[in-house]
């Protein structure tokens, strides 16, 4: 499954598409549904990098080969996913998968 990413801003080259192993079964995670807080948006590619490295225990290089991107891209996606997940857990905010 391919996922086309968007570039940030008007300049620069378009990002390479990321190969996803599976589509996420849910699109949001809300620890406290009665509380209305602004959600934190996590990209599907960031979720896939988090799944491959932390759940399946692959190295970043192997995860990059499986996703069809470089190791540096996997590192960036993983860094952003971990930061967003930690922020959602500590602040009690919902995670929205886009």
Protein backbone atom coordinates (compact mmCIF):
# COMPACT_ATOMS: atom_id res chain seq x y z
CA UNK A 1 0.00 0.00 0.00
CA UNK A 2 1.44 3.36 -1.01
CA UNK A 3 0.93 6.61 0.87
CA UNK A 4 1.67 9.88 -0.93
CA UNK A 5 3.09 12.52 1.40
CA UNK A 6 2.86 16.28 1.04
CA UNK A 7 5.71 18.72 1.01
CA UNK A 8 5.85 21.42 3.64
CA UNK A 9 5.65 24.87 2.12
CA UNK A 10 5.92 25.84 -1.52
CA UNK A 11 9.56 25.07 -2.18
CA UNK A 12 11.57 21.91 -2.39
CA UNK A 13 11.05 18.60 -4.06
CA UNK A 14 8.05 16.41 -3.50
CA UNK A 15 8.65 13.63 -0.93
CA UNK A 16 9.05 10.03 -2.01
CA UNK A 17 5.95 7.88 -1.40
CA UNK A 18 6.12 5.56 1.60
CA UNK A 19 5.16 1.87 1.45
CA UNK A 20 2.87 0.87 4.30
CA UNK A 21 2.71 -2.69 5.59
CA UNK A 22 -0.87 -2.37 6.75
CA UNK A 23 -3.56 0.25 7.07
CA UNK A 24 -4.29 1.26 10.68
CA UNK A 25 -7.49 -0.36 11.97
CA UNK A 26 -8.51 2.84 13.78
CA UNK A 27 -8.18 6.51 12.90
CA UNK A 28 -8.13 8.02 16.38
CA UNK A 29 -7.26 7.21 19.97
CA UNK A 30 -8.90 9.16 22.75
CA UNK A 31 -7.94 8.39 26.36
CA UNK A 32 -10.75 10.47 27.85
CA UNK A 33 -13.69 10.97 25.45
CA UNK A 34 -15.61 13.33 27.76
CA UNK A 35 -12.82 15.90 27.76
CA UNK A 36 -12.63 18.13 24.71
CA UNK A 37 -8.98 18.91 23.98
CA UNK A 38 -7.34 19.71 20.68
CA UNK A 39 -6.15 16.47 19.05
CA UNK A 40 -2.58 15.75 18.07
CA UNK A 41 -2.30 14.66 14.44
CA UNK A 42 0.05 11.79 13.60
CA UNK A 43 0.77 10.80 10.01
CA UNK A 44 0.30 7.21 8.82
CA UNK A 45 3.97 7.07 7.77
CA UNK A 46 5.04 8.11 11.29
CA UNK A 47 2.80 5.40 12.75
CA UNK A 48 4.28 2.81 10.38
CA UNK A 49 7.85 3.75 11.35
CA UNK A 50 6.89 3.51 15.03
CA UNK A 51 5.30 0.11 14.47
CA UNK A 52 8.25 -1.33 12.55
CA UNK A 53 11.00 -0.10 14.87
CA UNK A 54 9.36 -0.32 18.30
CA UNK A 55 6.83 -3.13 17.86
CA UNK A 56 8.52 -5.42 15.34
CA UNK A 57 12.03 -4.59 16.65
CA UNK A 58 13.52 -3.86 13.21
CA UNK A 59 16.54 -1.63 12.83
CA UNK A 60 15.98 1.75 11.25
CA UNK A 61 17.81 0.59 8.13
CA UNK A 62 15.60 -2.50 7.76
CA UNK A 63 12.49 -0.42 8.38
CA UNK A 64 13.64 2.02 5.70
CA UNK A 65 14.07 -0.81 3.21
CA UNK A 66 10.61 -2.12 4.00
CA UNK A 67 9.04 1.35 3.71
CA UNK A 68 11.02 2.25 0.58
CA UNK A 69 12.73 5.31 2.11
CA UNK A 70 16.15 6.12 3.54
CA UNK A 71 17.27 5.44 7.11
CA UNK A 72 17.38 9.17 7.79
CA UNK A 73 13.74 9.52 6.77
CA UNK A 74 12.80 6.67 9.11
CA UNK A 75 14.71 8.39 11.92
CA UNK A 76 12.82 11.65 11.33
CA UNK A 77 9.44 9.90 11.14
CA UNK A 78 10.23 7.91 14.28
CA UNK A 79 11.39 11.00 16.17
CA UNK A 80 8.18 12.88 15.29
CA UNK A 81 5.96 9.90 16.17
CA UNK A 82 7.58 9.38 19.56
CA UNK A 83 7.33 13.08 20.38
CA UNK A 84 3.65 13.25 19.42
CA UNK A 85 2.81 10.05 21.30
CA UNK A 86 4.58 11.23 24.45
CA UNK A 87 2.82 14.60 24.24
CA UNK A 88 -0.59 12.95 23.84
CA UNK A 89 0.02 10.64 26.81
CA UNK A 90 1.33 13.30 29.17
CA UNK A 91 -1.25 15.94 28.27
CA UNK A 92 -4.19 13.54 27.96
CA UNK A 93 -4.97 14.66 24.42
CA UNK A 94 -6.44 12.45 21.69
CA UNK A 95 -4.29 11.15 18.83
CA UNK A 96 -5.77 11.54 15.36
CA UNK A 97 -4.25 9.42 12.56
CA UNK A 98 -4.25 11.20 9.20
